[in-house]
Amino acid sequence: MSPAQTMTGIRIFTVALTAVMLASIVIAMSTGDFGSEGSWLLDHPWGRMTLVDLYVGIAIFVAWVWIREPRRWTIVVWIPVFVVLGNAGTALYASIAAFTCDSPRAFLLGRRA
């Protein structure tokens, strides 16, 4: 598979994941009550585990962004997006990164490639 074909696959994959995550957020916000349902998460071990899993994943993703981005202010701007939007934010970042690169190496390493 050529780098161009690989990047096309990465772009389709990241955009699809971004769409799924953002649609899920919109549906949850329009049908649920985070005030009461959010407290349920904190009251149950698996709810707390889910939050730990989310934030560990965000920390790992921030490490990837740290490696990719030469400008530290870019990282500072993205961290709140990741925390507020969770994996919708990480998928959005990955989608943008995929469209600004022309090879899998550049996608993974950014300008350090």
PDB file of N, CA and C in Angstrom:
ATOM      1  N   MET A   1       0.854  -1.175   0.000  1.00  0.00           N
ATOM      2  CA  MET A   1       0.000   0.000   0.000  1.00  0.00           C
ATOM      3  C   MET A   1       0.901   1.239   0.000  1.00  0.00           C
ATOM      4  N   SER A   2       0.602   2.184  -0.849  1.00  0.00           N
ATOM      5  CA  SER A   2       1.420   3.394  -0.948  1.00  0.00           C
ATOM      6  C   SER A   2       1.121   4.339   0.210  1.00  0.00           C
ATOM      7  N   PRO A   3       2.034   5.271   0.508  1.00  0.00           N
ATOM      8  CA  PRO A   3       1.767   6.259   1.563  1.00  0.00           C
ATOM      9  C   PRO A   3       0.493   7.064   1.293  1.00  0.00           C
ATOM     10  N   ALA A   4       0.239   7.373   0.030  1.00  0.00           N
ATOM     11  CA  ALA A   4      -0.973   8.130  -0.303  1.00  0.00           C
ATOM     12  C   ALA A   4      -2.232   7.326   0.021  1.00  0.00           C
ATOM     13  N   GLN A   5      -2.220   6.031  -0.296  1.00  0.00           N
ATOM     14  CA  GLN A   5      -3.368   5.179   0.018  1.00  0.00           C
ATOM     15  C   GLN A   5      -3.537   5.035   1.530  1.00  0.00           C
ATOM     16  N   THR A   6      -2.421   4.897   2.230  1.00  0.00           N
ATOM     17  CA  THR A   6      -2.477   4.802   3.686  1.00  0.00           C
ATOM     18  C   THR A   6      -3.065   6.069   4.288  1.00  0.00           C
ATOM     19  N   MET A   7      -2.635   7.234   3.790  1.00  0.00           N
ATOM     20  CA  MET A   7      -3.160   8.491   4.312  1.00  0.00           C
ATOM     21  C   MET A   7      -4.642   8.648   4.011  1.00  0.00           C
ATOM     22  N   THR A   8      -5.087   8.175   2.850  1.00  0.00           N
ATOM     23  CA  THR A   8      -6.515   8.213   2.542  1.00  0.00           C
ATOM     24  C   THR A   8      -7.292   7.385   3.561  1.00  0.00           C
ATOM     25  N   GLY A   9      -6.791   6.215   3.879  1.00  0.00           N
ATOM     26  CA  GLY A   9      -7.430   5.377   4.889  1.00  0.00           C
ATOM     27  C   GLY A   9      -7.440   6.034   6.259  1.00  0.00           C
ATOM     28  N   ILE A  10      -6.330   6.635   6.637  1.00  0.00           N
ATOM     29  CA  ILE A  10      -6.246   7.328   7.931  1.00  0.00           C
ATOM     30  C   ILE A  10      -7.244   8.482   7.970  1.00  0.00           C
ATOM     31  N   ARG A  11      -7.339   9.226   6.883  1.00  0.00           N
ATOM     32  CA  ARG A  11      -8.276  10.358   6.839  1.00  0.00           C
ATOM     33  C   ARG A  11      -9.717   9.894   6.963  1.00  0.00           C
ATOM     34  N   ILE A  12     -10.084   8.866   6.225  1.00  0.00           N
ATOM     35  CA  ILE A  12     -11.453   8.342   6.308  1.00  0.00           C
ATOM     36  C   ILE A  12     -11.746   7.845   7.720  1.00  0.00           C
ATOM     37  N   PHE A  13     -10.810   7.109   8.282  1.00  0.00           N
ATOM     38  CA  PHE A  13     -10.972   6.539   9.616  1.00  0.00           C
ATOM     39  C   PHE A  13     -11.133   7.627  10.678  1.00  0.00           C
ATOM     40  N   THR A  14     -10.256   8.632  10.659  1.00  0.00           N
ATOM     41  CA  THR A  14     -10.317   9.665  11.693  1.00  0.00           C
ATOM     42  C   THR A  14     -11.558  10.541  11.547  1.00  0.00           C
ATOM     43  N   VAL A  15     -11.952  10.855  10.321  1.00  0.00           N
ATOM     44  CA  VAL A  15     -13.163  11.653  10.128  1.00  0.00           C
ATOM     45  C   VAL A  15     -14.399  10.860  10.566  1.00  0.00           C
ATOM     46  N   ALA A  16     -14.443   9.581  10.249  1.00  0.00           N
ATOM     47  CA  ALA A  16     -15.575   8.753  10.670  1.00  0.00           C
ATOM     48  C   ALA A  16     -15.666   8.690  12.193  1.00  0.00           C
ATOM     49  N   LEU A  17     -14.537   8.503  12.850  1.00  0.00           N
ATOM     50  CA  LEU A  17     -14.552   8.468  14.316  1.00  0.00           C
ATOM     51  C   LEU A  17     -14.968   9.808  14.908  1.00  0.00           C
ATOM     52  N   THR A  18     -14.506  10.889  14.317  1.00  0.00           N
ATOM     53  CA  THR A  18     -14.902  12.222  14.793  1.00  0.00           C
ATOM     54  C   THR A  18     -16.410  12.396  14.650  1.00  0.00           C
ATOM     55  N   ALA A  19     -16.961  11.998  13.510  1.00  0.00           N
ATOM     56  CA  ALA A  19     -18.404  12.126  13.287  1.00  0.00           C
ATOM     57  C   ALA A  19     -19.197  11.286  14.286  1.00  0.00           C
ATOM     58  N   VAL A  20     -18.750  10.058  14.519  1.00  0.00           N
ATOM     59  CA  VAL A  20     -19.441   9.179  15.477  1.00  0.00           C
ATOM     60  C   VAL A  20     -19.411   9.796  16.878  1.00  0.00           C
ATOM     61  N   MET A  21     -18.262  10.281  17.290  1.00  0.00           N
ATOM     62  CA  MET A  21     -18.144  10.845  18.636  1.00  0.00           C
ATOM     63  C   MET A  21     -18.975  12.119  18.784  1.00  0.00           C
ATOM     64  N   LEU A  22     -18.892  13.023  17.812  1.00  0.00           N
ATOM     65  CA  LEU A  22     -19.660  14.265  17.915  1.00  0.00           C
ATOM     66  C   LEU A  22     -21.158  13.998  17.857  1.00  0.00           C
ATOM     67  N   ALA A  23     -21.599  13.067  17.004  1.00  0.00           N
ATOM     68  CA  ALA A  23     -23.013  12.713  16.957  1.00  0.00           C
ATOM     69  C   ALA A  23     -23.468  12.109  18.282  1.00  0.00           C
ATOM     70  N   SER A  24     -22.630  11.281  18.873  1.00  0.00           N
ATOM     71  CA  SER A  24     -22.971  10.677  20.166  1.00  0.00           C
ATOM     72  C   SER A  24     -23.113  11.730  21.250  1.00  0.00           C
ATOM     73  N   ILE A  25     -22.242  12.726  21.225  1.00  0.00           N
ATOM     74  CA  ILE A  25     -22.334  13.816  22.207  1.00  0.00           C
ATOM     75  C   ILE A  25     -23.631  14.594  22.018  1.00  0.00           C
ATOM     76  N   VAL A  26     -23.960  14.921  20.776  1.00  0.00           N
ATOM     77  CA  VAL A  26     -25.194  15.660  20.497  1.00  0.00           C
ATOM     78  C   VAL A  26     -26.407  14.855  20.955  1.00  0.00           C
ATOM     79  N   ILE A  27     -26.437  13.571  20.654  1.00  0.00           N
ATOM     80  CA  ILE A  27     -27.569  12.725  21.069  1.00  0.00           C
ATOM     81  C   ILE A  27     -27.658  12.664  22.590  1.00  0.00           C
ATOM     82  N   ALA A  28     -26.524  12.460  23.241  1.00  0.00           N
ATOM     83  CA  ALA A  28     -26.534  12.376  24.707  1.00  0.00           C
ATOM     84  C   ALA A  28     -26.995  13.693  25.330  1.00  0.00           C
ATOM     85  N   MET A  29     -26.533  14.806  24.768  1.00  0.00           N
ATOM     86  CA  MET A  29     -26.926  16.107  25.321  1.00  0.00           C
ATOM     87  C   MET A  29     -28.406  16.396  25.099  1.00  0.00           C
ATOM     88  N   SER A  30     -28.950  15.910  23.998  1.00  0.00           N
ATOM     89  CA  SER A  30     -30.353  16.208  23.702  1.00  0.00           C
ATOM     90  C   SER A  30     -31.322  15.236  24.369  1.00  0.00           C
ATOM     91  N   THR A  31     -30.845  14.078  24.789  1.00  0.00           N
ATOM     92  CA  THR A  31     -31.756  13.096  25.386  1.00  0.00           C
ATOM     93  C   THR A  31     -31.479  12.811  26.859  1.00  0.00           C
ATOM     94  N   GLY A  32     -30.328  13.230  27.343  1.00  0.00           N
ATOM     95  CA  GLY A  32     -29.973  12.901  28.716  1.00  0.00           C
ATOM     96  C   GLY A  32     -29.870  14.126  29.601  1.00  0.00           C
ATOM     97  N   ASP A  33     -29.659  13.882  30.869  1.00  0.00           N
ATOM     98  CA  ASP A  33     -29.469  14.932  31.870  1.00  0.00           C
ATOM     99  C   ASP A  33     -28.148  14.664  32.572  1.00  0.00           C
ATOM    100  N   PHE A  34     -27.100  15.344  32.125  1.00  0.00           N
ATOM    101  CA  PHE A  34     -25.779  15.070  32.657  1.00  0.00           C
ATOM    102  C   PHE A  34     -25.685  15.383  34.148  1.00  0.00           C
ATOM    103  N   GLY A  35     -26.448  16.345  34.617  1.00  0.00           N
ATOM    104  CA  GLY A  35     -26.424  16.681  36.044  1.00  0.00           C
ATOM    105  C   GLY A  35     -26.746  15.491  36.925  1.00  0.00           C
ATOM    106  N   SER A  36     -27.818  14.796  36.611  1.00  0.00           N
ATOM    107  CA  SER A  36     -28.185  13.644  37.440  1.00  0.00           C
ATOM    108  C   SER A  36     -27.472  12.380  36.984  1.00  0.00           C
ATOM    109  N   GLU A  37     -27.318  12.197  35.688  1.00  0.00           N
ATOM    110  CA  GLU A  37     -26.694  10.979  35.184  1.00  0.00           C
ATOM    111  C   GLU A  37     -25.181  10.994  35.378  1.00  0.00           C
ATOM    112  N   GLY A  38     -24.591  12.181  35.345  1.00  0.00           N
ATOM    113  CA  GLY A  38     -23.149  12.295  35.572  1.00  0.00           C
ATOM    114  C   GLY A  38     -22.777  11.891  36.992  1.00  0.00           C
ATOM    115  N   SER A  39     -23.623  12.225  37.952  1.00  0.00           N
ATOM    116  CA  SER A  39     -23.332  11.832  39.335  1.00  0.00           C
ATOM    117  C   SER A  39     -23.395  10.318  39.499  1.00  0.00           C
ATOM    118  N   TRP A  40     -24.192   9.643  38.660  1.00  0.00           N
ATOM    119  CA  TRP A  40     -24.264   8.191  38.705  1.00  0.00           C
ATOM    120  C   TRP A  40     -22.886   7.590  38.432  1.00  0.00           C
ATOM    121  N   LEU A  41     -22.162   8.180  37.468  1.00  0.00           N
ATOM    122  CA  LEU A  41     -20.823   7.676  37.149  1.00  0.00           C
ATOM    123  C   LEU A  41     -19.925   7.659  38.379  1.00  0.00           C
ATOM    124  N   LEU A  42     -19.960   8.741  39.129  1.00  0.00           N
ATOM    125  CA  LEU A  42     -19.075   8.851  40.288  1.00  0.00           C
ATOM    126  C   LEU A  42     -19.510   7.970  41.450  1.00  0.00           C
ATOM    127  N   ASP A  43     -20.754   7.550  41.436  1.00  0.00           N
ATOM    128  CA  ASP A  43     -21.271   6.708  42.517  1.00  0.00           C
ATOM    129  C   ASP A  43     -21.027   5.214  42.298  1.00  0.00           C
ATOM    130  N   HIS A  44     -20.525   4.828  41.130  1.00  0.00           N
ATOM    131  CA  HIS A  44     -20.356   3.418  40.802  1.00  0.00           C
ATOM    132  C   HIS A  44     -18.918   3.123  40.388  1.00  0.00           C
ATOM    133  N   PRO A  45     -18.377   1.990  40.853  1.00  0.00           N
ATOM    134  CA  PRO A  45     -16.982   1.658  40.531  1.00  0.00           C
ATOM    135  C   PRO A  45     -16.676   1.638  39.041  1.00  0.00           C
ATOM    136  N   TRP A  46     -17.568   1.086  38.223  1.00  0.00           N
ATOM    137  CA  TRP A  46     -17.296   1.038  36.788  1.00  0.00           C
ATOM    138  C   TRP A  46     -17.456   2.408  36.138  1.00  0.00           C
ATOM    139  N   GLY A  47     -18.281   3.240  36.719  1.00  0.00           N
ATOM    140  CA  GLY A  47     -18.370   4.619  36.233  1.00  0.00           C
ATOM    141  C   GLY A  47     -17.068   5.359  36.488  1.00  0.00           C
ATOM    142  N   ARG A  48     -16.531   5.199  37.702  1.00  0.00           N
ATOM    143  CA  ARG A  48     -15.231   5.818  38.027  1.00  0.00           C
ATOM    144  C   ARG A  48     -14.130   5.234  37.158  1.00  0.00           C
ATOM    145  N   MET A  49     -14.179   3.913  36.935  1.00  0.00           N
ATOM    146  CA  MET A  49     -13.173   3.270  36.092  1.00  0.00           C
ATOM    147  C   MET A  49     -13.219   3.821  34.662  1.00  0.00           C
ATOM    148  N   THR A  50     -14.409   4.060  34.161  1.00  0.00           N
ATOM    149  CA  THR A  50     -14.565   4.625  32.826  1.00  0.00           C
ATOM    150  C   THR A  50     -13.922   6.005  32.747  1.00  0.00           C
ATOM    151  N   LEU A  51     -14.101   6.807  33.778  1.00  0.00           N
ATOM    152  CA  LEU A  51     -13.482   8.135  33.789  1.00  0.00           C
ATOM    153  C   LEU A  51     -11.963   8.043  33.886  1.00  0.00           C
ATOM    154  N   VAL A  52     -11.459   7.122  34.705  1.00  0.00           N
ATOM    155  CA  VAL A  52     -10.011   6.921  34.785  1.00  0.00           C
ATOM    156  C   VAL A  52      -9.480   6.496  33.414  1.00  0.00           C
ATOM    157  N   ASP A  53     -10.160   5.572  32.774  1.00  0.00           N
ATOM    158  CA  ASP A  53      -9.766   5.113  31.447  1.00  0.00           C
ATOM    159  C   ASP A  53      -9.727   6.276  30.454  1.00  0.00           C
ATOM    160  N   LEU A  54     -10.754   7.101  30.481  1.00  0.00           N
ATOM    161  CA  LEU A  54     -10.817   8.251  29.588  1.00  0.00           C
ATOM    162  C   LEU A  54      -9.622   9.183  29.792  1.00  0.00           C
ATOM    163  N   TYR A  55      -9.352   9.538  31.044  1.00  0.00           N
ATOM    164  CA  TYR A  55      -8.302  10.518  31.304  1.00  0.00           C
ATOM    165  C   TYR A  55      -6.899   9.944  31.134  1.00  0.00           C
ATOM    166  N   VAL A  56      -6.721   8.651  31.358  1.00  0.00           N
ATOM    167  CA  VAL A  56      -5.429   8.031  31.036  1.00  0.00           C
ATOM    168  C   VAL A  56      -5.220   8.068  29.522  1.00  0.00           C
ATOM    169  N   GLY A  57      -6.262   7.765  28.770  1.00  0.00           N
ATOM    170  CA  GLY A  57      -6.182   7.839  27.316  1.00  0.00           C
ATOM    171  C   GLY A  57      -5.870   9.247  26.837  1.00  0.00           C
ATOM    172  N   ILE A  58      -6.490  10.241  27.456  1.00  0.00           N
ATOM    173  CA  ILE A  58      -6.205  11.627  27.093  1.00  0.00           C
ATOM    174  C   ILE A  58      -4.753  11.967  27.404  1.00  0.00           C
ATOM    175  N   ALA A  59      -4.242  11.513  28.540  1.00  0.00           N
ATOM    176  CA  ALA A  59      -2.841  11.783  28.890  1.00  0.00           C
ATOM    177  C   ALA A  59      -1.895  11.163  27.861  1.00  0.00           C
ATOM    178  N   ILE A  60      -2.189   9.954  27.427  1.00  0.00           N
ATOM    179  CA  ILE A  60      -1.365   9.308  26.395  1.00  0.00           C
ATOM    180  C   ILE A  60      -1.453  10.100  25.096  1.00  0.00           C
ATOM    181  N   PHE A  61      -2.641  10.545  24.753  1.00  0.00           N
ATOM    182  CA  PHE A  61      -2.822  11.314  23.526  1.00  0.00           C
ATOM    183  C   PHE A  61      -2.080  12.651  23.604  1.00  0.00           C
ATOM    184  N   VAL A  62      -2.123  13.301  24.771  1.00  0.00           N
ATOM    185  CA  VAL A  62      -1.380  14.554  24.951  1.00  0.00           C
ATOM    186  C   VAL A  62       0.112  14.314  24.744  1.00  0.00           C
ATOM    187  N   ALA A  63       0.615  13.171  25.181  1.00  0.00           N
ATOM    188  CA  ALA A  63       2.028  12.839  24.948  1.00  0.00           C
ATOM    189  C   ALA A  63       2.317  12.760  23.453  1.00  0.00           C
ATOM    190  N   TRP A  64       1.397  12.173  22.682  1.00  0.00           N
ATOM    191  CA  TRP A  64       1.576  12.112  21.229  1.00  0.00           C
ATOM    192  C   TRP A  64       1.580  13.519  20.622  1.00  0.00           C
ATOM    193  N   VAL A  65       0.651  14.356  21.074  1.00  0.00           N
ATOM    194  CA  VAL A  65       0.601  15.732  20.579  1.00  0.00           C
ATOM    195  C   VAL A  65       1.891  16.463  20.949  1.00  0.00           C
ATOM    196  N   TRP A  66       2.413  16.217  22.137  1.00  0.00           N
ATOM    197  CA  TRP A  66       3.678  16.824  22.590  1.00  0.00           C
ATOM    198  C   TRP A  66       4.810  16.459  21.623  1.00  0.00           C
ATOM    199  N   ILE A  67       4.830  15.204  21.184  1.00  0.00           N
ATOM    200  CA  ILE A  67       5.857  14.753  20.240  1.00  0.00           C
ATOM    201  C   ILE A  67       5.645  15.398  18.867  1.00  0.00           C
ATOM    202  N   ARG A  68       4.405  15.489  18.421  1.00  0.00           N
ATOM    203  CA  ARG A  68       4.095  15.988  17.077  1.00  0.00           C
ATOM    204  C   ARG A  68       4.270  17.490  16.919  1.00  0.00           C
ATOM    205  N   GLU A  69       3.868  18.241  17.931  1.00  0.00           N
ATOM    206  CA  GLU A  69       3.756  19.688  17.787  1.00  0.00           C
ATOM    207  C   GLU A  69       5.026  20.412  18.242  1.00  0.00           C
ATOM    208  N   PRO A  70       5.646  21.162  17.346  1.00  0.00           N
ATOM    209  CA  PRO A  70       6.837  21.912  17.739  1.00  0.00           C
ATOM    210  C   PRO A  70       6.498  23.158  18.559  1.00  0.00           C
ATOM    211  N   ARG A  71       5.284  23.661  18.410  1.00  0.00           N
ATOM    212  CA  ARG A  71       4.881  24.865  19.149  1.00  0.00           C
ATOM    213  C   ARG A  71       4.098  24.451  20.391  1.00  0.00           C
ATOM    214  N   ARG A  72       4.638  24.742  21.548  1.00  0.00           N
ATOM    215  CA  ARG A  72       4.011  24.313  22.807  1.00  0.00           C
ATOM    216  C   ARG A  72       2.650  24.961  23.037  1.00  0.00           C
ATOM    217  N   TRP A  73       2.439  26.166  22.513  1.00  0.00           N
ATOM    218  CA  TRP A  73       1.143  26.814  22.717  1.00  0.00           C
ATOM    219  C   TRP A  73       0.020  26.013  22.057  1.00  0.00           C
ATOM    220  N   THR A  74       0.342  25.306  20.988  1.00  0.00           N
ATOM    221  CA  THR A  74      -0.655  24.469  20.325  1.00  0.00           C
ATOM    222  C   THR A  74      -1.151  23.384  21.272  1.00  0.00           C
ATOM    223  N   ILE A  75      -0.237  22.805  22.020  1.00  0.00           N
ATOM    224  CA  ILE A  75      -0.609  21.765  22.983  1.00  0.00           C
ATOM    225  C   ILE A  75      -1.507  22.351  24.062  1.00  0.00           C
ATOM    226  N   VAL A  76      -1.142  23.516  24.566  1.00  0.00           N
ATOM    227  CA  VAL A  76      -1.916  24.174  25.627  1.00  0.00           C
ATOM    228  C   VAL A  76      -3.339  24.468  25.149  1.00  0.00           C
ATOM    229  N   VAL A  77      -3.492  24.816  23.882  1.00  0.00           N
ATOM    230  CA  VAL A  77      -4.817  25.080  23.335  1.00  0.00           C
ATOM    231  C   VAL A  77      -5.640  23.797  23.216  1.00  0.00           C
ATOM    232  N   TRP A  78      -5.002  22.700  22.825  1.00  0.00           N
ATOM    233  CA  TRP A  78      -5.728  21.446  22.598  1.00  0.00           C
ATOM    234  C   TRP A  78      -6.096  20.714  23.886  1.00  0.00           C
ATOM    235  N   ILE A  79      -5.325  20.826  24.940  1.00  0.00           N
ATOM    236  CA  ILE A  79      -5.601  20.062  26.168  1.00  0.00           C
ATOM    237  C   ILE A  79      -7.022  20.294  26.687  1.00  0.00           C
ATOM    238  N   PRO A  80      -7.496  21.544  26.815  1.00  0.00           N
ATOM    239  CA  PRO A  80      -8.887  21.712  27.277  1.00  0.00           C
ATOM    240  C   PRO A  80      -9.912  21.097  26.322  1.00  0.00           C
ATOM    241  N   VAL A  81      -9.627  21.098  25.033  1.00  0.00           N
ATOM    242  CA  VAL A  81     -10.534  20.470  24.063  1.00  0.00           C
ATOM    243  C   VAL A  81     -10.618  18.975  24.348  1.00  0.00           C
ATOM    244  N   PHE A  82      -9.474  18.350  24.606  1.00  0.00           N
ATOM    245  CA  PHE A  82      -9.460  16.916  24.906  1.00  0.00           C
ATOM    246  C   PHE A  82     -10.207  16.620  26.201  1.00  0.00           C
ATOM    247  N   VAL A  83     -10.015  17.456  27.214  1.00  0.00           N
ATOM    248  CA  VAL A  83     -10.650  17.217  28.514  1.00  0.00           C
ATOM    249  C   VAL A  83     -12.169  17.392  28.418  1.00  0.00           C
ATOM    250  N   VAL A  84     -12.615  18.417  27.709  1.00  0.00           N
ATOM    251  CA  VAL A  84     -14.053  18.694  27.616  1.00  0.00           C
ATOM    252  C   VAL A  84     -14.751  17.737  26.661  1.00  0.00           C
ATOM    253  N   LEU A  85     -14.153  17.494  25.496  1.00  0.00           N
ATOM    254  CA  LEU A  85     -14.798  16.654  24.494  1.00  0.00           C
ATOM    255  C   LEU A  85     -14.374  15.186  24.552  1.00  0.00           C
ATOM    256  N   GLY A  86     -13.364  14.871  25.358  1.00  0.00           N
ATOM    257  CA  GLY A  86     -12.903  13.495  25.457  1.00  0.00           C
ATOM    258  C   GLY A  86     -12.369  13.005  24.124  1.00  0.00           C
ATOM    259  N   ASN A  87     -12.749  11.801  23.761  1.00  0.00           N
ATOM    260  CA  ASN A  87     -12.243  11.219  22.527  1.00  0.00           C
ATOM    261  C   ASN A  87     -12.811  11.871  21.272  1.00  0.00           C
ATOM    262  N   ALA A  88     -13.873  12.646  21.392  1.00  0.00           N
ATOM    263  CA  ALA A  88     -14.313  13.444  20.239  1.00  0.00           C
ATOM    264  C   ALA A  88     -13.247  14.485  19.921  1.00  0.00           C
ATOM    265  N   GLY A  89     -12.657  15.062  20.958  1.00  0.00           N
ATOM    266  CA  GLY A  89     -11.574  16.035  20.759  1.00  0.00           C
ATOM    267  C   GLY A  89     -10.323  15.387  20.207  1.00  0.00           C
ATOM    268  N   THR A  90      -9.990  14.197  20.694  1.00  0.00           N
ATOM    269  CA  THR A  90      -8.799  13.522  20.179  1.00  0.00           C
ATOM    270  C   THR A  90      -9.011  13.100  18.727  1.00  0.00           C
ATOM    271  N   ALA A  91     -10.218  12.656  18.393  1.00  0.00           N
ATOM    272  CA  ALA A  91     -10.514  12.280  17.010  1.00  0.00           C
ATOM    273  C   ALA A  91     -10.464  13.501  16.097  1.00  0.00           C
ATOM    274  N   LEU A  92     -10.942  14.636  16.593  1.00  0.00           N
ATOM    275  CA  LEU A  92     -10.885  15.867  15.808  1.00  0.00           C
ATOM    276  C   LEU A  92      -9.435  16.266  15.537  1.00  0.00           C
ATOM    277  N   TYR A  93      -8.603  16.215  16.575  1.00  0.00           N
ATOM    278  CA  TYR A  93      -7.177  16.531  16.384  1.00  0.00           C
ATOM    279  C   TYR A  93      -6.553  15.586  15.368  1.00  0.00           C
ATOM    280  N   ALA A  94      -6.821  14.294  15.500  1.00  0.00           N
ATOM    281  CA  ALA A  94      -6.251  13.310  14.578  1.00  0.00           C
ATOM    282  C   ALA A  94      -6.730  13.560  13.152  1.00  0.00           C
ATOM    283  N   SER A  95      -7.994  13.943  12.982  1.00  0.00           N
ATOM    284  CA  SER A  95      -8.513  14.247  11.648  1.00  0.00           C
ATOM    285  C   SER A  95      -7.786  15.441  11.039  1.00  0.00           C
ATOM    286  N   ILE A  96      -7.640  16.488  11.812  1.00  0.00           N
ATOM    287  CA  ILE A  96      -6.928  17.672  11.322  1.00  0.00           C
ATOM    288  C   ILE A  96      -5.490  17.310  10.985  1.00  0.00           C
ATOM    289  N   ALA A  97      -4.852  16.547  11.857  1.00  0.00           N
ATOM    290  CA  ALA A  97      -3.468  16.125  11.602  1.00  0.00           C
ATOM    291  C   ALA A  97      -3.378  15.305  10.320  1.00  0.00           C
ATOM    292  N   ALA A  98      -4.357  14.441  10.093  1.00  0.00           N
ATOM    293  CA  ALA A  98      -4.340  13.589   8.900  1.00  0.00           C
ATOM    294  C   ALA A  98      -4.440  14.405   7.614  1.00  0.00           C
ATOM    295  N   PHE A  99      -5.180  15.492   7.671  1.00  0.00           N
ATOM    296  CA  PHE A  99      -5.342  16.313   6.471  1.00  0.00           C
ATOM    297  C   PHE A  99      -4.203  17.306   6.262  1.00  0.00           C
ATOM    298  N   THR A 100      -3.335  17.441   7.246  1.00  0.00           N
ATOM    299  CA  THR A 100      -2.193  18.352   7.082  1.00  0.00           C
ATOM    300  C   THR A 100      -0.900  17.602   6.793  1.00  0.00           C
ATOM    301  N   CYS A 101      -0.997  16.303   6.582  1.00  0.00           N
ATOM    302  CA  CYS A 101       0.184  15.470   6.335  1.00  0.00           C
ATOM    303  C   CYS A 101       0.045  14.729   5.016  1.00  0.00           C
ATOM    304  N   ASP A 102       1.196  14.357   4.466  1.00  0.00           N
ATOM    305  CA  ASP A 102       1.166  13.605   3.217  1.00  0.00           C
ATOM    306  C   ASP A 102       1.744  12.202   3.347  1.00  0.00           C
ATOM    307  N   SER A 103       2.118  11.816   4.584  1.00  0.00           N
ATOM    308  CA  SER A 103       2.644  10.465   4.783  1.00  0.00           C
ATOM    309  C   SER A 103       2.300   9.982   6.184  1.00  0.00           C
ATOM    310  N   PRO A 104       2.243   8.672   6.361  1.00  0.00           N
ATOM    311  CA  PRO A 104       1.991   8.145   7.706  1.00  0.00           C
ATOM    312  C   PRO A 104       3.045   8.598   8.722  1.00  0.00           C
ATOM    313  N   ARG A 105       4.293   8.683   8.293  1.00  0.00           N
ATOM    314  CA  ARG A 105       5.365   9.147   9.187  1.00  0.00           C
ATOM    315  C   ARG A 105       5.108  10.576   9.661  1.00  0.00           C
ATOM    316  N   ALA A 106       4.713  11.451   8.731  1.00  0.00           N
ATOM    317  CA  ALA A 106       4.405  12.829   9.105  1.00  0.00           C
ATOM    318  C   ALA A 106       3.167  12.893   9.997  1.00  0.00           C
ATOM    319  N   PHE A 107       2.192  12.009   9.739  1.00  0.00           N
ATOM    320  CA  PHE A 107       1.010  11.965  10.588  1.00  0.00           C
ATOM    321  C   PHE A 107       1.405  11.623  12.023  1.00  0.00           C
ATOM    322  N   LEU A 108       2.275  10.649  12.175  1.00  0.00           N
ATOM    323  CA  LEU A 108       2.675  10.205  13.514  1.00  0.00           C
ATOM    324  C   LEU A 108       3.623  11.180  14.210  1.00  0.00           C
ATOM    325  N   LEU A 109       4.522  11.780  13.452  1.00  0.00           N
ATOM    326  CA  LEU A 109       5.581  12.602  14.062  1.00  0.00           C
ATOM    327  C   LEU A 109       5.422  14.103  13.822  1.00  0.00           C
ATOM    328  N   GLY A 110       4.486  14.497  13.011  1.00  0.00           N
ATOM    329  CA  GLY A 110       4.292  15.921  12.734  1.00  0.00           C
ATOM    330  C   GLY A 110       5.490  16.505  12.024  1.00  0.00           C
ATOM    331  N   ARG A 111       5.841  17.721  12.377  1.00  0.00           N
ATOM    332  CA  ARG A 111       6.956  18.400  11.719  1.00  0.00           C
ATOM    333  C   ARG A 111       8.308  17.831  12.107  1.00  0.00           C
ATOM    334  N   ARG A 112       8.324  16.943  13.069  1.00  0.00           N
ATOM    335  CA  ARG A 112       9.583  16.290  13.482  1.00  0.00           C
ATOM    336  C   ARG A 112       9.939  15.120  12.579  1.00  0.00           C
ATOM    337  N   ALA A 113       9.051  14.792  11.640  1.00  0.00           N
ATOM    338  CA  ALA A 113       9.271  13.634  10.755  1.00  0.00           C
ATOM    339  C   ALA A 113      10.455  13.882   9.820  1.00  0.00           C
TER     340      ALA A 113
END
